[in-house]
N, C-alpha and C. Protein backbone atom coordinates (compact mmCIF):
# COMPACT_ATOMS: atom_id res chain seq x y z
N UNK A 1 -17.49 7.38 8.80
CA UNK A 1 -16.39 8.24 9.49
C UNK A 1 -15.65 7.43 10.55
N UNK A 2 -16.01 6.37 10.81
CA UNK A 2 -15.41 5.49 11.93
C UNK A 2 -14.05 5.18 11.45
N UNK A 3 -13.83 5.10 10.16
CA UNK A 3 -12.51 4.75 9.70
C UNK A 3 -11.45 5.68 10.04
N UNK A 4 -11.76 6.99 10.29
CA UNK A 4 -10.81 7.97 10.50
C UNK A 4 -10.41 8.16 12.03
N UNK A 5 -11.22 7.45 12.86
CA UNK A 5 -11.08 7.66 14.29
C UNK A 5 -10.36 6.48 14.95
N UNK A 6 -9.46 5.82 14.33
CA UNK A 6 -8.74 4.58 14.89
C UNK A 6 -7.61 5.07 15.59
N UNK A 7 -7.22 4.19 16.54
CA UNK A 7 -5.97 4.39 17.25
C UNK A 7 -4.71 3.98 16.33
N UNK A 8 -3.62 4.52 16.54
CA UNK A 8 -2.51 4.02 15.74
C UNK A 8 -2.11 2.61 16.04
N UNK A 9 -1.69 1.86 15.06
CA UNK A 9 -1.41 0.49 15.20
C UNK A 9 0.19 0.40 15.04
N UNK A 10 0.86 -0.46 15.90
CA UNK A 10 2.29 -0.51 15.86
C UNK A 10 2.65 -1.33 14.51
N UNK A 11 3.88 -1.10 13.98
CA UNK A 11 4.20 -2.02 12.83
C UNK A 11 4.13 -3.44 12.89
N UNK A 12 4.45 -3.98 14.15
CA UNK A 12 4.31 -5.29 14.43
C UNK A 12 2.79 -5.86 14.35
N UNK A 13 1.97 -4.95 15.02
CA UNK A 13 0.59 -5.33 14.93
C UNK A 13 0.02 -5.30 13.53
N UNK A 14 0.47 -4.29 12.81
CA UNK A 14 0.02 -4.10 11.48
C UNK A 14 0.43 -5.41 10.56
N UNK A 15 1.70 -5.76 10.83
CA UNK A 15 2.21 -6.87 10.05
C UNK A 15 1.51 -8.23 10.35
N UNK A 16 1.07 -8.34 11.76
CA UNK A 16 0.35 -9.49 12.10
C UNK A 16 -1.03 -9.48 11.42
N UNK A 17 -1.63 -8.25 11.44
CA UNK A 17 -2.97 -8.07 10.87
C UNK A 17 -2.94 -8.37 9.32
N UNK A 18 -1.91 -7.90 8.71
CA UNK A 18 -1.72 -8.05 7.32
C UNK A 18 -1.60 -9.56 6.95
N UNK A 19 -0.80 -10.37 7.77
CA UNK A 19 -0.73 -11.74 7.56
C UNK A 19 -2.02 -12.47 7.63
N UNK A 20 -2.82 -12.05 8.65
CA UNK A 20 -4.11 -12.74 8.88
C UNK A 20 -5.01 -12.45 7.64
N UNK A 21 -4.99 -11.10 7.21
CA UNK A 21 -5.83 -10.66 6.18
C UNK A 21 -5.54 -11.39 4.97
N UNK A 22 -4.18 -11.60 4.66
CA UNK A 22 -3.70 -12.26 3.38
C UNK A 22 -4.21 -13.70 3.44
N UNK A 23 -4.09 -14.32 4.58
CA UNK A 23 -4.48 -15.76 4.62
C UNK A 23 -6.02 -15.90 4.45
N UNK A 24 -6.78 -15.05 5.04
CA UNK A 24 -8.21 -15.01 4.79
C UNK A 24 -8.55 -14.82 3.24
N UNK A 25 -7.74 -13.81 2.79
CA UNK A 25 -8.00 -13.53 1.37
C UNK A 25 -7.61 -14.70 0.38
N UNK A 26 -6.55 -15.34 0.72
CA UNK A 26 -6.23 -16.60 -0.09
C UNK A 26 -7.21 -17.70 0.07
N UNK A 27 -7.71 -17.88 1.23
CA UNK A 27 -8.75 -18.96 1.55
C UNK A 27 -10.00 -18.59 0.75
N UNK A 28 -10.40 -17.39 0.69
CA UNK A 28 -11.51 -17.05 -0.01
C UNK A 28 -11.32 -17.07 -1.55
N UNK A 29 -10.18 -16.64 -1.83
CA UNK A 29 -9.85 -16.77 -3.29
C UNK A 29 -9.99 -18.22 -3.89
N UNK A 30 -9.51 -19.16 -3.13
CA UNK A 30 -9.59 -20.56 -3.51
C UNK A 30 -11.00 -21.03 -3.57
N UNK A 31 -11.84 -20.63 -2.50
CA UNK A 31 -13.23 -21.01 -2.63
C UNK A 31 -13.90 -20.31 -3.85
N UNK A 32 -13.54 -19.08 -4.11
CA UNK A 32 -14.22 -18.46 -5.26
C UNK A 32 -13.75 -19.11 -6.55
N UNK A 33 -12.49 -19.53 -6.64
CA UNK A 33 -12.01 -20.13 -7.94
C UNK A 33 -12.89 -21.37 -8.08
N UNK A 34 -13.11 -22.22 -7.09
CA UNK A 34 -13.81 -23.37 -7.30
C UNK A 34 -15.20 -23.12 -7.79
N UNK A 35 -15.88 -22.17 -7.12
CA UNK A 35 -17.24 -21.70 -7.48
C UNK A 35 -17.27 -21.21 -8.98
N UNK A 36 -16.20 -20.48 -9.22
CA UNK A 36 -16.12 -19.95 -10.68
C UNK A 36 -15.97 -20.97 -11.62
N UNK A 37 -15.08 -21.96 -11.45
CA UNK A 37 -14.99 -23.06 -12.25
C UNK A 37 -16.15 -23.86 -12.41
N UNK A 38 -16.86 -24.12 -11.35
CA UNK A 38 -18.13 -24.92 -11.34
C UNK A 38 -19.19 -24.06 -12.22
N UNK A 39 -19.22 -22.95 -12.03
CA UNK A 39 -20.14 -22.05 -12.91
C UNK A 39 -19.85 -22.02 -14.38
N UNK A 40 -18.46 -22.11 -14.63
CA UNK A 40 -17.97 -22.23 -16.07
C UNK A 40 -18.33 -23.62 -16.62
N UNK A 41 -18.13 -24.60 -15.81
CA UNK A 41 -18.61 -26.05 -16.24
C UNK A 41 -20.06 -26.07 -16.46
N UNK A 42 -20.88 -25.47 -15.61
CA UNK A 42 -22.29 -25.50 -15.86
C UNK A 42 -22.63 -24.72 -17.03
N UNK A 43 -22.09 -23.57 -17.30
CA UNK A 43 -22.42 -22.78 -18.53
C UNK A 43 -22.00 -23.65 -19.72
N UNK A 44 -20.86 -24.33 -19.68
CA UNK A 44 -20.33 -25.20 -20.84
C UNK A 44 -21.37 -26.27 -21.05
N UNK A 45 -21.69 -26.91 -20.00
CA UNK A 45 -22.67 -28.12 -20.09
C UNK A 45 -24.05 -27.64 -20.69
N UNK A 46 -24.57 -26.35 -20.20
CA UNK A 46 -25.83 -25.89 -20.64
C UNK A 46 -25.71 -25.58 -22.20
N UNK A 47 -24.53 -25.04 -22.65
CA UNK A 47 -24.47 -24.82 -24.06
C UNK A 47 -24.49 -26.08 -24.80
N UNK A 48 -23.85 -27.14 -24.26
CA UNK A 48 -23.88 -28.44 -24.96
C UNK A 48 -25.23 -28.89 -25.19
N UNK A 49 -26.08 -28.73 -24.15
CA UNK A 49 -27.47 -29.15 -24.05
C UNK A 49 -28.37 -28.25 -24.83
N UNK A 50 -27.79 -27.10 -25.24
CA UNK A 50 -28.70 -26.12 -25.80
C UNK A 50 -29.68 -25.38 -24.89
N UNK A 51 -29.36 -25.38 -23.62
CA UNK A 51 -30.21 -24.79 -22.64
C UNK A 51 -29.81 -23.44 -22.42
N UNK A 52 -30.44 -22.43 -23.17
CA UNK A 52 -30.06 -21.03 -23.10
C UNK A 52 -30.31 -20.38 -21.72
N UNK A 53 -31.35 -20.65 -21.20
CA UNK A 53 -31.68 -20.14 -19.76
C UNK A 53 -30.60 -20.50 -18.78
N UNK A 54 -30.29 -21.76 -18.77
CA UNK A 54 -29.30 -22.37 -17.79
C UNK A 54 -27.84 -21.66 -18.10
N UNK A 55 -27.63 -21.50 -19.40
CA UNK A 55 -26.40 -20.86 -19.72
C UNK A 55 -26.30 -19.45 -19.19
N UNK A 56 -27.38 -18.60 -19.39
CA UNK A 56 -27.34 -17.27 -18.98
C UNK A 56 -27.15 -17.15 -17.36
N UNK A 57 -27.89 -18.06 -16.55
CA UNK A 57 -27.74 -18.11 -15.23
C UNK A 57 -26.26 -18.38 -14.92
N UNK A 58 -25.77 -19.53 -15.43
CA UNK A 58 -24.37 -19.86 -15.08
C UNK A 58 -23.29 -18.87 -15.41
N UNK A 59 -23.52 -18.28 -16.68
CA UNK A 59 -22.62 -17.29 -17.12
C UNK A 59 -22.65 -16.00 -16.43
N UNK A 60 -23.78 -15.58 -15.81
CA UNK A 60 -23.93 -14.42 -14.97
C UNK A 60 -23.08 -14.82 -13.69
N UNK A 61 -23.41 -15.99 -13.12
CA UNK A 61 -22.70 -16.37 -11.84
C UNK A 61 -21.21 -16.37 -12.13
N UNK A 62 -20.72 -16.88 -13.19
CA UNK A 62 -19.38 -16.88 -13.60
C UNK A 62 -18.78 -15.48 -13.55
N UNK A 63 -19.50 -14.53 -14.11
CA UNK A 63 -19.10 -13.08 -14.33
C UNK A 63 -18.85 -12.53 -13.04
N UNK A 64 -19.97 -12.78 -12.01
CA UNK A 64 -19.90 -12.27 -10.67
C UNK A 64 -18.81 -12.77 -9.95
N UNK A 65 -18.54 -14.02 -10.08
CA UNK A 65 -17.37 -14.59 -9.31
C UNK A 65 -16.04 -14.18 -9.83
N UNK A 66 -15.90 -13.92 -11.13
CA UNK A 66 -14.75 -13.47 -11.75
C UNK A 66 -14.47 -11.95 -11.25
N UNK A 67 -15.50 -11.18 -11.14
CA UNK A 67 -15.34 -9.89 -10.49
C UNK A 67 -14.89 -9.94 -9.09
N UNK A 68 -15.46 -10.80 -8.22
CA UNK A 68 -14.97 -10.98 -6.83
C UNK A 68 -13.51 -11.45 -6.81
N UNK A 69 -13.22 -12.33 -7.73
CA UNK A 69 -11.71 -12.70 -7.76
C UNK A 69 -10.82 -11.56 -8.07
N UNK A 70 -11.28 -10.79 -8.96
CA UNK A 70 -10.38 -9.63 -9.34
C UNK A 70 -10.33 -8.70 -8.19
N UNK A 71 -11.44 -8.38 -7.43
CA UNK A 71 -11.28 -7.52 -6.20
C UNK A 71 -10.37 -8.14 -5.25
N UNK A 72 -10.43 -9.41 -4.96
CA UNK A 72 -9.59 -10.03 -4.03
C UNK A 72 -8.20 -9.99 -4.46
N UNK A 73 -7.95 -10.12 -5.67
CA UNK A 73 -6.57 -9.90 -6.24
C UNK A 73 -5.98 -8.60 -5.99
N UNK A 74 -6.81 -7.59 -6.13
CA UNK A 74 -6.34 -6.14 -5.82
C UNK A 74 -6.16 -6.06 -4.28
N UNK A 75 -6.97 -6.72 -3.66
CA UNK A 75 -6.66 -6.67 -2.04
C UNK A 75 -5.41 -7.21 -1.66
N UNK A 76 -5.04 -8.44 -2.33
CA UNK A 76 -3.84 -9.09 -2.05
C UNK A 76 -2.60 -8.09 -2.39
N UNK A 77 -2.69 -7.45 -3.53
CA UNK A 77 -1.67 -6.53 -4.04
C UNK A 77 -1.58 -5.36 -2.89
N UNK A 78 -2.71 -4.83 -2.46
CA UNK A 78 -2.73 -3.88 -1.50
C UNK A 78 -2.03 -4.32 -0.24
N UNK A 79 -2.35 -5.56 0.20
CA UNK A 79 -1.63 -6.15 1.40
C UNK A 79 -0.21 -6.08 1.19
N UNK A 80 0.21 -6.66 0.14
CA UNK A 80 1.81 -6.75 -0.19
C UNK A 80 2.27 -5.35 -0.08
N UNK A 81 1.63 -4.38 -0.67
CA UNK A 81 2.13 -2.98 -0.71
C UNK A 81 2.20 -2.38 0.75
N UNK A 82 1.22 -2.73 1.61
CA UNK A 82 1.19 -2.32 2.96
C UNK A 82 2.37 -2.87 3.66
N UNK A 83 2.68 -4.18 3.46
CA UNK A 83 3.81 -4.80 4.16
C UNK A 83 5.06 -4.08 3.80
N UNK A 84 5.16 -3.90 2.52
CA UNK A 84 6.45 -3.07 2.04
C UNK A 84 6.50 -1.66 2.73
N UNK A 85 5.46 -1.06 2.84
CA UNK A 85 5.39 0.17 3.42
C UNK A 85 5.66 0.23 4.91
N UNK A 86 5.26 -0.81 5.61
CA UNK A 86 5.63 -1.06 7.00
C UNK A 86 7.17 -1.18 7.20
N UNK A 87 7.66 -2.03 6.38
CA UNK A 87 9.21 -2.32 6.38
C UNK A 87 9.84 -1.02 5.99
N UNK A 88 9.48 -0.20 5.09
CA UNK A 88 10.05 0.96 4.65
C UNK A 88 10.01 1.95 5.83
N UNK A 89 8.86 1.93 6.50
CA UNK A 89 8.69 3.00 7.72
C UNK A 89 9.69 2.58 8.73
N UNK A 90 9.86 1.33 9.02
CA UNK A 90 10.91 0.82 10.01
C UNK A 90 12.23 1.32 9.64
N UNK A 91 12.53 1.16 8.33
CA UNK A 91 13.85 1.59 7.73
C UNK A 91 14.06 2.96 7.80
N UNK A 92 13.05 3.88 7.69
CA UNK A 92 13.21 5.15 7.69
C UNK A 92 13.40 5.66 9.20
N UNK A 93 12.84 4.90 10.06
CA UNK A 93 12.99 5.30 11.47
C UNK A 93 14.51 4.98 11.75
N UNK A 94 15.08 3.93 11.36
CA UNK A 94 16.47 3.65 11.53
C UNK A 94 17.40 4.72 10.91
N UNK A 95 17.04 5.23 9.78
CA UNK A 95 17.82 6.16 9.02
C UNK A 95 17.76 7.48 9.80
N UNK A 96 16.54 7.78 10.31
CA UNK A 96 16.38 9.06 11.19
C UNK A 96 17.37 9.05 12.38
N UNK A 97 17.50 7.87 12.97
CA UNK A 97 18.33 7.78 14.13
C UNK A 97 19.84 8.06 13.73
N UNK A 98 20.13 7.36 12.59
CA UNK A 98 21.54 7.55 12.02
C UNK A 98 21.83 8.92 11.84
N UNK A 99 20.76 9.49 11.06
CA UNK A 99 20.84 11.07 10.70
C UNK A 99 21.15 11.86 11.83
N UNK A 100 20.48 11.67 12.99
CA UNK A 100 20.70 12.50 14.19
C UNK A 100 22.03 12.21 14.68
N UNK A 101 22.67 10.99 14.66
CA UNK A 101 23.94 10.76 15.02
C UNK A 101 24.92 11.55 14.26
N UNK A 102 24.78 11.48 12.97
CA UNK A 102 25.62 12.12 11.99
C UNK A 102 25.61 13.62 12.27
N UNK A 103 24.45 14.14 12.47
CA UNK A 103 24.42 15.54 12.80
C UNK A 103 25.28 15.85 14.00
N UNK A 104 25.16 15.13 15.05
CA UNK A 104 25.99 15.34 16.10
C UNK A 104 27.53 15.26 15.76
N UNK A 105 27.90 14.33 14.98
CA UNK A 105 29.25 14.10 14.59
C UNK A 105 29.69 15.29 13.81
N UNK A 106 28.88 15.74 12.89
CA UNK A 106 29.28 16.98 12.03
C UNK A 106 29.42 18.15 12.81
N UNK A 107 28.59 18.34 13.85
CA UNK A 107 28.75 19.58 14.69
C UNK A 107 30.01 19.44 15.39
N UNK A 108 30.44 18.25 15.88
CA UNK A 108 31.63 18.17 16.65
C UNK A 108 32.88 18.34 15.68
N UNK A 109 32.68 18.05 14.41
CA UNK A 109 33.81 18.28 13.44
C UNK A 109 33.72 19.66 12.85
N UNK A 110 32.71 20.34 13.15
CA UNK A 110 32.69 21.89 12.69
C UNK A 110 32.12 21.99 11.27
N UNK A 111 31.37 20.79 10.83
CA UNK A 111 30.84 20.91 9.45
C UNK A 111 29.42 21.53 9.59
N UNK A 112 29.02 22.25 8.42
CA UNK A 112 27.68 22.95 8.53
C UNK A 112 26.54 21.87 8.72
N UNK A 113 25.94 22.04 9.87
CA UNK A 113 24.86 20.94 10.29
C UNK A 113 23.53 21.37 9.71
N UNK A 114 23.28 22.62 9.30
CA UNK A 114 22.08 23.10 8.81
C UNK A 114 21.50 22.37 7.79
N UNK A 115 22.44 21.96 6.69
CA UNK A 115 21.95 21.08 5.52
C UNK A 115 21.58 19.68 6.07
N UNK A 116 22.36 19.15 6.96
CA UNK A 116 22.18 17.86 7.48
C UNK A 116 20.76 17.88 8.28
N UNK A 117 20.65 18.95 8.98
CA UNK A 117 19.33 19.13 9.79
C UNK A 117 18.15 19.09 8.78
N UNK A 118 18.28 19.87 7.65
CA UNK A 118 17.18 19.86 6.82
C UNK A 118 16.93 18.45 6.26
N UNK A 119 17.99 17.63 5.96
CA UNK A 119 17.89 16.30 5.47
C UNK A 119 17.09 15.42 6.53
N UNK A 120 17.54 15.51 7.75
CA UNK A 120 16.94 14.68 8.81
C UNK A 120 15.43 15.14 8.91
N UNK A 121 15.12 16.43 8.83
CA UNK A 121 13.66 16.85 8.88
C UNK A 121 13.04 16.24 7.67
N UNK A 122 13.52 16.32 6.62
CA UNK A 122 12.79 15.62 5.33
C UNK A 122 12.60 14.16 5.55
N UNK A 123 13.60 13.57 6.08
CA UNK A 123 13.45 12.05 6.46
C UNK A 123 12.23 11.94 7.44
N UNK A 124 12.23 12.74 8.47
CA UNK A 124 11.20 12.56 9.53
C UNK A 124 9.87 12.86 8.84
N UNK A 125 9.77 13.86 8.06
CA UNK A 125 8.42 14.24 7.38
C UNK A 125 8.07 13.04 6.43
N UNK A 126 9.06 12.51 5.74
CA UNK A 126 8.79 11.39 4.89
C UNK A 126 8.22 10.16 5.67
N UNK A 127 8.92 9.94 6.81
CA UNK A 127 8.45 8.80 7.71
C UNK A 127 7.10 9.06 8.16
N UNK A 128 6.69 10.24 8.56
CA UNK A 128 5.34 10.59 9.02
C UNK A 128 4.26 10.40 7.85
N UNK A 129 4.73 10.92 6.61
CA UNK A 129 3.86 10.65 5.50
C UNK A 129 3.72 9.10 5.18
N UNK A 130 4.65 8.42 5.32
CA UNK A 130 4.64 6.98 5.06
C UNK A 130 3.69 6.36 6.16
N UNK A 131 3.76 6.77 7.32
CA UNK A 131 2.88 6.21 8.44
C UNK A 131 1.44 6.57 8.06
N UNK A 132 1.16 7.90 7.55
CA UNK A 132 -0.08 8.26 7.17
C UNK A 132 -0.57 7.46 5.96
N UNK A 133 0.35 7.25 5.01
CA UNK A 133 -0.06 6.41 3.92
C UNK A 133 -0.41 5.01 4.18
N UNK A 134 0.31 4.34 5.28
CA UNK A 134 0.04 3.14 5.77
C UNK A 134 -1.33 3.06 6.32
N UNK A 135 -1.80 3.97 7.06
CA UNK A 135 -3.14 4.13 7.62
C UNK A 135 -4.16 4.31 6.55
N UNK A 136 -3.85 5.02 5.62
CA UNK A 136 -4.73 5.13 4.37
C UNK A 136 -4.87 3.82 3.66
N UNK A 137 -3.84 3.07 3.48
CA UNK A 137 -3.99 1.83 2.93
C UNK A 137 -4.76 0.83 3.70
N UNK A 138 -4.60 0.91 5.04
CA UNK A 138 -5.25 0.00 5.91
C UNK A 138 -6.85 0.33 5.74
N UNK A 139 -7.05 1.65 5.71
CA UNK A 139 -8.51 2.07 5.63
C UNK A 139 -8.98 1.54 4.30
N UNK A 140 -8.24 1.67 3.30
CA UNK A 140 -8.49 1.19 1.89
C UNK A 140 -8.93 -0.24 1.92
N UNK A 141 -8.15 -1.12 2.60
CA UNK A 141 -8.55 -2.57 2.63
C UNK A 141 -9.94 -2.70 3.29
N UNK A 142 -10.18 -2.05 4.37
CA UNK A 142 -11.42 -2.07 5.02
C UNK A 142 -12.59 -1.59 4.13
N UNK A 143 -12.34 -0.48 3.38
CA UNK A 143 -13.40 0.06 2.48
C UNK A 143 -13.62 -0.87 1.38
N UNK A 144 -12.58 -1.50 0.85
CA UNK A 144 -12.81 -2.38 -0.26
C UNK A 144 -13.66 -3.58 0.15
N UNK A 145 -13.33 -4.15 1.36
CA UNK A 145 -13.98 -5.20 1.84
C UNK A 145 -15.49 -4.88 2.10
N UNK A 146 -15.78 -3.71 2.44
CA UNK A 146 -17.21 -3.28 2.56
C UNK A 146 -17.82 -2.89 1.30
N UNK A 147 -16.98 -2.79 0.25
CA UNK A 147 -17.46 -2.33 -1.00
C UNK A 147 -17.78 -0.86 -1.04
N UNK A 148 -17.08 -0.08 -0.40
CA UNK A 148 -17.37 1.39 -0.17
C UNK A 148 -16.58 2.19 -1.29
N UNK A 149 -17.14 3.33 -1.42
CA UNK A 149 -16.47 4.28 -2.31
C UNK A 149 -15.34 4.99 -1.63
N UNK A 150 -15.29 4.81 -0.26
CA UNK A 150 -14.06 5.51 0.38
C UNK A 150 -12.76 4.81 0.00
N UNK A 151 -12.81 3.60 -0.52
CA UNK A 151 -11.64 3.05 -1.07
C UNK A 151 -10.97 3.71 -2.17
N UNK A 152 -11.75 4.12 -3.07
CA UNK A 152 -11.22 4.89 -4.16
C UNK A 152 -10.66 6.18 -3.83
N UNK A 153 -11.44 6.91 -2.84
CA UNK A 153 -10.97 8.17 -2.33
C UNK A 153 -9.60 8.03 -1.61
N UNK A 154 -9.47 6.89 -0.80
CA UNK A 154 -8.30 6.71 -0.13
C UNK A 154 -7.04 6.41 -1.11
N UNK A 155 -7.38 5.68 -2.22
CA UNK A 155 -6.35 5.43 -3.16
C UNK A 155 -5.88 6.73 -3.90
N UNK A 156 -6.83 7.57 -4.20
CA UNK A 156 -6.55 8.85 -4.87
C UNK A 156 -5.72 9.79 -3.85
N UNK A 157 -6.15 9.73 -2.58
CA UNK A 157 -5.42 10.52 -1.67
C UNK A 157 -3.98 9.98 -1.45
N UNK A 158 -3.88 8.68 -1.55
CA UNK A 158 -2.51 7.95 -1.37
C UNK A 158 -1.72 8.32 -2.56
N UNK A 159 -2.40 8.31 -3.76
CA UNK A 159 -1.63 8.55 -5.12
C UNK A 159 -1.00 10.04 -5.10
N UNK A 160 -1.94 10.91 -4.60
CA UNK A 160 -1.44 12.31 -4.46
C UNK A 160 -0.28 12.51 -3.52
N UNK A 161 -0.42 12.02 -2.37
CA UNK A 161 0.50 11.92 -1.23
C UNK A 161 1.85 11.35 -1.74
N UNK A 162 1.81 10.26 -2.38
CA UNK A 162 3.15 9.53 -2.79
C UNK A 162 3.68 10.41 -4.00
N UNK A 163 2.89 10.88 -4.90
CA UNK A 163 3.44 11.62 -5.99
C UNK A 163 4.11 12.92 -5.36
N UNK A 164 3.60 13.50 -4.38
CA UNK A 164 4.27 14.61 -3.77
C UNK A 164 5.55 14.34 -3.03
N UNK A 165 5.61 13.10 -2.47
CA UNK A 165 6.76 12.62 -1.85
C UNK A 165 7.94 12.35 -2.95
N UNK A 166 7.50 11.74 -3.92
CA UNK A 166 8.49 11.48 -5.05
C UNK A 166 9.03 12.72 -5.58
N UNK A 167 8.19 13.71 -5.84
CA UNK A 167 8.65 15.16 -6.31
C UNK A 167 9.62 15.78 -5.30
N UNK A 168 9.31 15.63 -4.04
CA UNK A 168 10.14 16.24 -3.05
C UNK A 168 11.42 15.43 -3.02
N UNK A 169 11.49 14.16 -3.04
CA UNK A 169 12.73 13.43 -2.88
C UNK A 169 13.55 13.73 -4.17
N UNK A 170 13.04 13.84 -5.42
CA UNK A 170 13.67 14.20 -6.59
C UNK A 170 14.52 15.55 -6.39
N UNK A 171 13.68 16.59 -5.79
CA UNK A 171 14.34 17.90 -5.67
C UNK A 171 15.53 17.81 -4.59
N UNK A 172 15.25 16.98 -3.61
CA UNK A 172 16.25 16.88 -2.58
C UNK A 172 17.51 16.29 -3.10
N UNK A 173 17.36 15.22 -3.88
CA UNK A 173 18.45 14.56 -4.64
C UNK A 173 19.25 15.57 -5.52
N UNK A 174 18.42 16.36 -6.18
CA UNK A 174 19.16 17.33 -7.21
C UNK A 174 19.94 18.33 -6.39
N UNK A 175 19.46 18.87 -5.14
CA UNK A 175 20.01 19.83 -4.48
C UNK A 175 21.36 19.17 -3.88
N UNK A 176 21.35 18.04 -3.40
CA UNK A 176 22.51 17.33 -2.89
C UNK A 176 23.58 17.24 -3.91
N UNK A 177 23.18 16.84 -5.19
CA UNK A 177 24.08 16.57 -6.24
C UNK A 177 24.74 17.83 -6.58
N UNK A 178 23.87 18.99 -6.59
CA UNK A 178 24.43 20.31 -6.85
C UNK A 178 25.42 20.76 -5.65
N UNK A 179 25.24 20.53 -4.48
CA UNK A 179 26.19 20.88 -3.43
C UNK A 179 27.50 20.11 -3.61
N UNK A 180 27.38 18.69 -4.06
CA UNK A 180 28.55 17.99 -4.13
C UNK A 180 29.46 18.53 -5.39
N UNK A 181 28.74 18.85 -6.37
CA UNK A 181 29.48 19.40 -7.49
C UNK A 181 30.14 20.88 -7.09
N UNK A 182 29.58 21.56 -6.43
CA UNK A 182 30.00 22.82 -6.02
C UNK A 182 31.26 22.65 -5.14
N UNK A 183 31.16 21.69 -4.24
CA UNK A 183 32.35 21.36 -3.38
C UNK A 183 33.52 20.83 -4.19
N UNK A 184 33.23 19.96 -5.24
CA UNK A 184 34.34 19.43 -5.87
C UNK A 184 34.87 20.44 -6.90
N UNK A 185 34.08 21.45 -7.42
CA UNK A 185 34.48 22.28 -8.50
C UNK A 185 35.23 23.42 -7.85
């Protein structure tokens, strides 16, 4: 449960942590590749010699190392995804500021600001969800590193959250297109 009681991390701190994690993962990946290749060579040599026992030992080691490499590969993908999400969050914050400015301009022009306000609210909610998703992914990396089941739960939670966002964004786009058509027609 200590994963859920963390202080919030700034986007810059998160980027730094992600770069450090990525470098550690890449270093570990190289080490594991060497060990995996050595295990493969040992298994091959054992087969050449007809040493079944040495082959089983080496091939098991090869399989375990291959599994670890696969896990690290997934973690690298998660790191890249987190970096993208941090950048998207920063972009959404910029959009939110612009949205607020547009709201003020539209009020001054006498344009219905209620719809714009709803859009700004949706952007703000989306930004908050993105921040929460970032935190979930951060927790996922920690959980994967610890070999915990919490990683899968966090991924499923993120999947549900992102699917809900996608559905909400699609509905919002449809409503905007409908309004534009009504105004044109």
